């Protein structure tokens, strides 16, 4: 019960720090939802970052062509 109260208070504090957000399309001010606060406040998932960097490297190697050794290692 105490942890739940602490989390609620933390969410209120974070909402005050980030404040309301102005909509890009409508131009109206709105309160941030939990998902939006999470996206602003918390860092990205480490595994997602590692996988995305591996994919970027693989794309780079794929553009090199079949004559490069690294490309042949990637394909095998």
PDB file of N, CA and C in Angstrom:
ATOM      1  N   UNK A   1       0.827  -1.180   0.000  1.00  0.00           N
ATOM      2  CA  UNK A   1       0.000   0.000   0.000  1.00  0.00           C
ATOM      3  C   UNK A   1       0.880   1.256   0.000  1.00  0.00           C
ATOM      4  N   UNK A   2       1.927   1.245   0.766  1.00  0.00           N
ATOM      5  CA  UNK A   2       2.823   2.399   0.847  1.00  0.00           C
ATOM      6  C   UNK A   2       3.534   2.637  -0.479  1.00  0.00           C
ATOM      7  N   UNK A   3       3.959   1.548  -1.145  1.00  0.00           N
ATOM      8  CA  UNK A   3       4.642   1.674  -2.432  1.00  0.00           C
ATOM      9  C   UNK A   3       3.711   2.286  -3.477  1.00  0.00           C
ATOM     10  N   UNK A   4       2.462   1.885  -3.459  1.00  0.00           N
ATOM     11  CA  UNK A   4       1.486   2.418  -4.412  1.00  0.00           C
ATOM     12  C   UNK A   4       1.317   3.929  -4.201  1.00  0.00           C
ATOM     13  N   UNK A   5       1.249   4.341  -2.964  1.00  0.00           N
ATOM     14  CA  UNK A   5       1.127   5.756  -2.651  1.00  0.00           C
ATOM     15  C   UNK A   5       2.369   6.525  -3.132  1.00  0.00           C
ATOM     16  N   UNK A   6       3.536   5.947  -2.915  1.00  0.00           N
ATOM     17  CA  UNK A   6       4.779   6.570  -3.344  1.00  0.00           C
ATOM     18  C   UNK A   6       4.811   6.724  -4.858  1.00  0.00           C
ATOM     19  N   UNK A   7       4.365   5.704  -5.588  1.00  0.00           N
ATOM     20  CA  UNK A   7       4.342   5.775  -7.046  1.00  0.00           C
ATOM     21  C   UNK A   7       3.379   6.852  -7.536  1.00  0.00           C
ATOM     22  N   UNK A   8       2.226   6.964  -6.899  1.00  0.00           N
ATOM     23  CA  UNK A   8       1.273   8.006  -7.277  1.00  0.00           C
ATOM     24  C   UNK A   8       1.867   9.392  -7.070  1.00  0.00           C
ATOM     25  N   UNK A   9       2.533   9.575  -5.944  1.00  0.00           N
ATOM     26  CA  UNK A   9       3.138  10.871  -5.655  1.00  0.00           C
ATOM     27  C   UNK A   9       4.263  11.182  -6.649  1.00  0.00           C
ATOM     28  N   UNK A  10       5.025  10.163  -7.021  1.00  0.00           N
ATOM     29  CA  UNK A  10       6.092  10.342  -7.998  1.00  0.00           C
ATOM     30  C   UNK A  10       5.515  10.759  -9.351  1.00  0.00           C
ATOM     31  N   UNK A  11       4.414  10.122  -9.762  1.00  0.00           N
ATOM     32  CA  UNK A  11       3.776  10.466 -11.036  1.00  0.00           C
ATOM     33  C   UNK A  11       3.288  11.911 -11.013  1.00  0.00           C
ATOM     34  N   UNK A  12       2.733  12.352  -9.914  1.00  0.00           N
ATOM     35  CA  UNK A  12       2.288  13.742  -9.799  1.00  0.00           C
ATOM     36  C   UNK A  12       3.475  14.695  -9.908  1.00  0.00           C
ATOM     37  N   UNK A  13       4.564  14.350  -9.261  1.00  0.00           N
ATOM     38  CA  UNK A  13       5.759  15.187  -9.295  1.00  0.00           C
ATOM     39  C   UNK A  13       6.316  15.282 -10.716  1.00  0.00           C
ATOM     40  N   UNK A  14       6.377  14.148 -11.399  1.00  0.00           N
ATOM     41  CA  UNK A  14       6.896  14.138 -12.771  1.00  0.00           C
ATOM     42  C   UNK A  14       5.996  14.959 -13.686  1.00  0.00           C
ATOM     43  N   UNK A  15       4.675  14.866 -13.510  1.00  0.00           N
ATOM     44  CA  UNK A  15       3.753  15.660 -14.323  1.00  0.00           C
ATOM     45  C   UNK A  15       3.984  17.153 -14.108  1.00  0.00           C
ATOM     46  N   UNK A  16       4.286  17.545 -12.860  1.00  0.00           N
ATOM     47  CA  UNK A  16       4.545  18.962 -12.587  1.00  0.00           C
ATOM     48  C   UNK A  16       5.857  19.409 -13.219  1.00  0.00           C
ATOM     49  N   UNK A  17       6.865  18.547 -13.187  1.00  0.00           N
ATOM     50  CA  UNK A  17       8.159  18.895 -13.756  1.00  0.00           C
ATOM     51  C   UNK A  17       8.042  19.073 -15.272  1.00  0.00           C
ATOM     52  N   UNK A  18       7.423  18.111 -15.948  1.00  0.00           N
ATOM     53  CA  UNK A  18       7.302  18.186 -17.399  1.00  0.00           C
ATOM     54  C   UNK A  18       6.195  19.125 -17.839  1.00  0.00           C
ATOM     55  N   UNK A  19       5.224  19.333 -16.992  1.00  0.00           N
ATOM     56  CA  UNK A  19       4.134  20.256 -17.304  1.00  0.00           C
ATOM     57  C   UNK A  19       3.233  19.740 -18.412  1.00  0.00           C
ATOM     58  N   UNK A  20       2.254  20.567 -18.791  1.00  0.00           N
ATOM     59  CA  UNK A  20       1.379  20.157 -19.884  1.00  0.00           C
ATOM     60  C   UNK A  20       2.112  20.262 -21.221  1.00  0.00           C
ATOM     61  N   UNK A  21       1.553  19.599 -22.209  1.00  0.00           N
ATOM     62  CA  UNK A  21       2.169  19.584 -23.521  1.00  0.00           C
ATOM     63  C   UNK A  21       1.188  20.178 -24.533  1.00  0.00           C
ATOM     64  N   UNK A  22       1.699  20.988 -25.419  1.00  0.00           N
ATOM     65  CA  UNK A  22       0.851  21.595 -26.438  1.00  0.00           C
ATOM     66  C   UNK A  22       0.771  20.654 -27.636  1.00  0.00           C
ATOM     67  N   UNK A  23      -0.451  20.348 -28.062  1.00  0.00           N
ATOM     68  CA  UNK A  23      -0.646  19.460 -29.194  1.00  0.00           C
ATOM     69  C   UNK A  23      -0.137  20.073 -30.478  1.00  0.00           C
ATOM     70  N   UNK A  24       0.525  19.266 -31.313  1.00  0.00           N
ATOM     71  CA  UNK A  24       1.100  19.773 -32.552  1.00  0.00           C
ATOM     72  C   UNK A  24       0.022  20.110 -33.581  1.00  0.00           C
ATOM     73  N   UNK A  25      -1.034  19.314 -33.618  1.00  0.00           N
ATOM     74  CA  UNK A  25      -2.069  19.504 -34.623  1.00  0.00           C
ATOM     75  C   UNK A  25      -3.093  20.539 -34.170  1.00  0.00           C
ATOM     76  N   UNK A  26      -3.630  20.347 -32.980  1.00  0.00           N
ATOM     77  CA  UNK A  26      -4.713  21.208 -32.511  1.00  0.00           C
ATOM     78  C   UNK A  26      -4.224  22.466 -31.820  1.00  0.00           C
ATOM     79  N   UNK A  27      -3.041  22.440 -31.253  1.00  0.00           N
ATOM     80  CA  UNK A  27      -2.518  23.588 -30.532  1.00  0.00           C
ATOM     81  C   UNK A  27      -3.085  23.728 -29.128  1.00  0.00           C
ATOM     82  N   UNK A  28      -3.864  22.747 -28.683  1.00  0.00           N
ATOM     83  CA  UNK A  28      -4.446  22.779 -27.343  1.00  0.00           C
ATOM     84  C   UNK A  28      -3.467  22.182 -26.335  1.00  0.00           C
ATOM     85  N   UNK A  29      -3.539  22.689 -25.111  1.00  0.00           N
ATOM     86  CA  UNK A  29      -2.711  22.155 -24.037  1.00  0.00           C
ATOM     87  C   UNK A  29      -3.394  20.935 -23.451  1.00  0.00           C
ATOM     88  N   UNK A  30      -2.611  19.887 -23.171  1.00  0.00           N
ATOM     89  CA  UNK A  30      -3.180  18.693 -22.563  1.00  0.00           C
ATOM     90  C   UNK A  30      -2.229  18.136 -21.517  1.00  0.00           C
ATOM     91  N   UNK A  31      -2.793  17.374 -20.622  1.00  0.00           N
ATOM     92  CA  UNK A  31      -2.027  16.726 -19.563  1.00  0.00           C
ATOM     93  C   UNK A  31      -1.333  15.494 -20.132  1.00  0.00           C
ATOM     94  N   UNK A  32      -0.111  15.231 -19.700  1.00  0.00           N
ATOM     95  CA  UNK A  32       0.618  14.062 -20.186  1.00  0.00           C
ATOM     96  C   UNK A  32       0.069  12.786 -19.561  1.00  0.00           C
ATOM     97  N   UNK A  33      -0.059  11.750 -20.381  1.00  0.00           N
ATOM     98  CA  UNK A  33      -0.496  10.442 -19.892  1.00  0.00           C
ATOM     99  C   UNK A  33       0.722   9.653 -19.417  1.00  0.00           C
ATOM    100  N   UNK A  34       0.475   8.568 -18.717  1.00  0.00           N
ATOM    101  CA  UNK A  34       1.566   7.770 -18.140  1.00  0.00           C
ATOM    102  C   UNK A  34       2.563   7.307 -19.203  1.00  0.00           C
ATOM    103  N   UNK A  35       2.078   6.860 -20.359  1.00  0.00           N
ATOM    104  CA  UNK A  35       2.944   6.372 -21.430  1.00  0.00           C
ATOM    105  C   UNK A  35       3.855   7.490 -21.927  1.00  0.00           C
ATOM    106  N   UNK A  36       3.307   8.690 -22.075  1.00  0.00           N
ATOM    107  CA  UNK A  36       4.102   9.824 -22.536  1.00  0.00           C
ATOM    108  C   UNK A  36       5.159  10.210 -21.505  1.00  0.00           C
ATOM    109  N   UNK A  37       4.811  10.153 -20.243  1.00  0.00           N
ATOM    110  CA  UNK A  37       5.779  10.440 -19.173  1.00  0.00           C
ATOM    111  C   UNK A  37       6.883   9.400 -19.181  1.00  0.00           C
ATOM    112  N   UNK A  38       6.506   8.146 -19.340  1.00  0.00           N
ATOM    113  CA  UNK A  38       7.493   7.062 -19.379  1.00  0.00           C
ATOM    114  C   UNK A  38       8.463   7.278 -20.543  1.00  0.00           C
ATOM    115  N   UNK A  39       7.931   7.652 -21.718  1.00  0.00           N
ATOM    116  CA  UNK A  39       8.784   7.875 -22.879  1.00  0.00           C
ATOM    117  C   UNK A  39       9.752   9.034 -22.656  1.00  0.00           C
ATOM    118  N   UNK A  40       9.328  10.071 -21.945  1.00  0.00           N
ATOM    119  CA  UNK A  40      10.187  11.227 -21.691  1.00  0.00           C
ATOM    120  C   UNK A  40      11.212  10.963 -20.597  1.00  0.00           C
ATOM    121  N   UNK A  41      10.810  10.238 -19.558  1.00  0.00           N
ATOM    122  CA  UNK A  41      11.622  10.148 -18.351  1.00  0.00           C
ATOM    123  C   UNK A  41      12.580   8.969 -18.331  1.00  0.00           C
ATOM    124  N   UNK A  42      12.122   7.800 -18.780  1.00  0.00           N
ATOM    125  CA  UNK A  42      12.918   6.589 -18.629  1.00  0.00           C
ATOM    126  C   UNK A  42      13.802   6.347 -19.847  1.00  0.00           C
ATOM    127  N   UNK A  43      15.000   5.826 -19.632  1.00  0.00           N
ATOM    128  CA  UNK A  43      15.915   5.567 -20.755  1.00  0.00           C
ATOM    129  C   UNK A  43      15.421   4.383 -21.599  1.00  0.00           C
ATOM    130  N   UNK A  44      15.932   4.250 -22.821  1.00  0.00           N
ATOM    131  CA  UNK A  44      15.516   3.132 -23.671  1.00  0.00           C
ATOM    132  C   UNK A  44      16.025   1.798 -23.128  1.00  0.00           C
ATOM    133  N   UNK A  45      15.393   0.736 -23.540  1.00  0.00           N
ATOM    134  CA  UNK A  45      15.770  -0.613 -23.146  1.00  0.00           C
ATOM    135  C   UNK A  45      17.148  -0.933 -23.741  1.00  0.00           C
ATOM    136  N   UNK A  46      18.052  -1.425 -22.929  1.00  0.00           N
ATOM    137  CA  UNK A  46      19.416  -1.701 -23.363  1.00  0.00           C
ATOM    138  C   UNK A  46      19.437  -2.754 -24.465  1.00  0.00           C
ATOM    139  N   UNK A  47      18.645  -3.799 -24.330  1.00  0.00           N
ATOM    140  CA  UNK A  47      18.622  -4.850 -25.352  1.00  0.00           C
ATOM    141  C   UNK A  47      18.143  -4.300 -26.690  1.00  0.00           C
ATOM    142  N   UNK A  48      17.173  -3.384 -26.660  1.00  0.00           N
ATOM    143  CA  UNK A  48      16.678  -2.794 -27.902  1.00  0.00           C
ATOM    144  C   UNK A  48      17.772  -1.983 -28.575  1.00  0.00           C
ATOM    145  N   UNK A  49      18.548  -1.260 -27.796  1.00  0.00           N
ATOM    146  CA  UNK A  49      19.636  -0.448 -28.345  1.00  0.00           C
ATOM    147  C   UNK A  49      20.697  -1.338 -28.977  1.00  0.00           C
ATOM    148  N   UNK A  50      21.062  -2.419 -28.305  1.00  0.00           N
ATOM    149  CA  UNK A  50      22.080  -3.334 -28.835  1.00  0.00           C
ATOM    150  C   UNK A  50      21.601  -3.949 -30.143  1.00  0.00           C
ATOM    151  N   UNK A  51      20.353  -4.413 -30.173  1.00  0.00           N
ATOM    152  CA  UNK A  51      19.820  -5.031 -31.393  1.00  0.00           C
ATOM    153  C   UNK A  51      19.747  -4.034 -32.541  1.00  0.00           C
ATOM    154  N   UNK A  52      19.338  -2.819 -32.252  1.00  0.00           N
ATOM    155  CA  UNK A  52      19.231  -1.826 -33.323  1.00  0.00           C
ATOM    156  C   UNK A  52      20.618  -1.473 -33.875  1.00  0.00           C
ATOM    157  N   UNK A  53      21.627  -1.419 -33.024  1.00  0.00           N
ATOM    158  CA  UNK A  53      22.977  -1.124 -33.509  1.00  0.00           C
ATOM    159  C   UNK A  53      23.542  -2.275 -34.321  1.00  0.00           C
ATOM    160  N   UNK A  54      23.216  -3.501 -33.932  1.00  0.00           N
ATOM    161  CA  UNK A  54      23.649  -4.656 -34.730  1.00  0.00           C
ATOM    162  C   UNK A  54      23.004  -4.621 -36.105  1.00  0.00           C
ATOM    163  N   UNK A  55      21.714  -4.267 -36.145  1.00  0.00           N
ATOM    164  CA  UNK A  55      21.016  -4.187 -37.429  1.00  0.00           C
ATOM    165  C   UNK A  55      21.626  -3.081 -38.296  1.00  0.00           C
ATOM    166  N   UNK A  56      21.963  -1.962 -37.707  1.00  0.00           N
ATOM    167  CA  UNK A  56      22.586  -0.867 -38.453  1.00  0.00           C
ATOM    168  C   UNK A  56      23.925  -1.311 -39.027  1.00  0.00           C
ATOM    169  N   UNK A  57      24.706  -2.062 -38.230  1.00  0.00           N
ATOM    170  CA  UNK A  57      25.993  -2.572 -38.694  1.00  0.00           C
ATOM    171  C   UNK A  57      25.783  -3.562 -39.838  1.00  0.00           C
ATOM    172  N   UNK A  58      24.792  -4.460 -39.702  1.00  0.00           N
ATOM    173  CA  UNK A  58      24.523  -5.445 -40.746  1.00  0.00           C
ATOM    174  C   UNK A  58      24.104  -4.757 -42.053  1.00  0.00           C
ATOM    175  N   UNK A  59      23.304  -3.711 -41.961  1.00  0.00           N
ATOM    176  CA  UNK A  59      22.914  -2.968 -43.158  1.00  0.00           C
ATOM    177  C   UNK A  59      24.135  -2.328 -43.824  1.00  0.00           C
ATOM    178  N   UNK A  60      25.026  -1.802 -43.005  1.00  0.00           N
ATOM    179  CA  UNK A  60      26.242  -1.185 -43.523  1.00  0.00           C
ATOM    180  C   UNK A  60      27.086  -2.224 -44.262  1.00  0.00           C
ATOM    181  N   UNK A  61      27.265  -3.387 -43.671  1.00  0.00           N
ATOM    182  CA  UNK A  61      28.065  -4.444 -44.285  1.00  0.00           C
ATOM    183  C   UNK A  61      27.382  -4.941 -45.555  1.00  0.00           C
ATOM    184  N   UNK A  62      26.060  -5.046 -45.549  1.00  0.00           N
ATOM    185  CA  UNK A  62      25.341  -5.523 -46.730  1.00  0.00           C
ATOM    186  C   UNK A  62      25.545  -4.593 -47.922  1.00  0.00           C
ATOM    187  N   UNK A  63      25.708  -3.300 -47.669  1.00  0.00           N
ATOM    188  CA  UNK A  63      25.938  -2.358 -48.763  1.00  0.00           C
ATOM    189  C   UNK A  63      27.360  -2.428 -49.309  1.00  0.00           C
ATOM    190  N   UNK A  64      28.276  -3.068 -48.561  1.00  0.00           N
ATOM    191  CA  UNK A  64      29.670  -3.119 -48.997  1.00  0.00           C
ATOM    192  C   UNK A  64      29.858  -3.959 -50.252  1.00  0.00           C
ATOM    193  N   UNK A  65      29.116  -5.009 -50.401  1.00  0.00           N
ATOM    194  CA  UNK A  65      29.269  -5.866 -51.573  1.00  0.00           C
ATOM    195  C   UNK A  65      29.915  -7.193 -51.214  1.00  0.00           C
ATOM    196  N   UNK A  66      29.830  -8.135 -52.139  1.00  0.00           N
ATOM    197  CA  UNK A  66      30.252  -9.510 -51.856  1.00  0.00           C
ATOM    198  C   UNK A  66      31.761  -9.694 -51.880  1.00  0.00           C
ATOM    199  N   UNK A  67      32.535  -8.725 -52.345  1.00  0.00           N
ATOM    200  CA  UNK A  67      33.979  -8.891 -52.400  1.00  0.00           C
ATOM    201  C   UNK A  67      34.642  -8.700 -51.044  1.00  0.00           C
ATOM    202  N   UNK A  68      33.991  -8.085 -50.107  1.00  0.00           N
ATOM    203  CA  UNK A  68      34.568  -7.807 -48.795  1.00  0.00           C
ATOM    204  C   UNK A  68      34.395  -9.026 -47.893  1.00  0.00           C
ATOM    205  N   UNK A  69      35.436  -9.375 -47.131  1.00  0.00           N
ATOM    206  CA  UNK A  69      35.398 -10.538 -46.246  1.00  0.00           C
ATOM    207  C   UNK A  69      34.289 -10.451 -45.195  1.00  0.00           C
ATOM    208  N   UNK A  70      34.114  -9.278 -44.638  1.00  0.00           N
ATOM    209  CA  UNK A  70      33.111  -9.113 -43.591  1.00  0.00           C
ATOM    210  C   UNK A  70      31.719  -9.461 -44.131  1.00  0.00           C
ATOM    211  N   UNK A  71      31.453  -9.094 -45.372  1.00  0.00           N
ATOM    212  CA  UNK A  71      30.161  -9.410 -45.994  1.00  0.00           C
ATOM    213  C   UNK A  71      29.985 -10.927 -46.092  1.00  0.00           C
ATOM    214  N   UNK A  72      31.041 -11.622 -46.515  1.00  0.00           N
ATOM    215  CA  UNK A  72      30.939 -13.078 -46.656  1.00  0.00           C
ATOM    216  C   UNK A  72      30.726 -13.743 -45.302  1.00  0.00           C
ATOM    217  N   UNK A  73      31.340 -13.213 -44.242  1.00  0.00           N
ATOM    218  CA  UNK A  73      31.133 -13.761 -42.894  1.00  0.00           C
ATOM    219  C   UNK A  73      29.696 -13.524 -42.457  1.00  0.00           C
ATOM    220  N   UNK A  74      29.177 -12.343 -42.729  1.00  0.00           N
ATOM    221  CA  UNK A  74      27.792 -12.026 -42.350  1.00  0.00           C
ATOM    222  C   UNK A  74      26.795 -12.935 -43.061  1.00  0.00           C
ATOM    223  N   UNK A  75      27.014 -13.193 -44.333  1.00  0.00           N
ATOM    224  CA  UNK A  75      26.077 -14.008 -45.116  1.00  0.00           C
ATOM    225  C   UNK A  75      26.116 -15.461 -44.690  1.00  0.00           C
ATOM    226  N   UNK A  76      27.301 -15.960 -44.340  1.00  0.00           N
ATOM    227  CA  UNK A  76      27.411 -17.360 -43.929  1.00  0.00           C
ATOM    228  C   UNK A  76      26.858 -17.505 -42.581  1.00  0.00           C
TER     229      UNK A  76
END
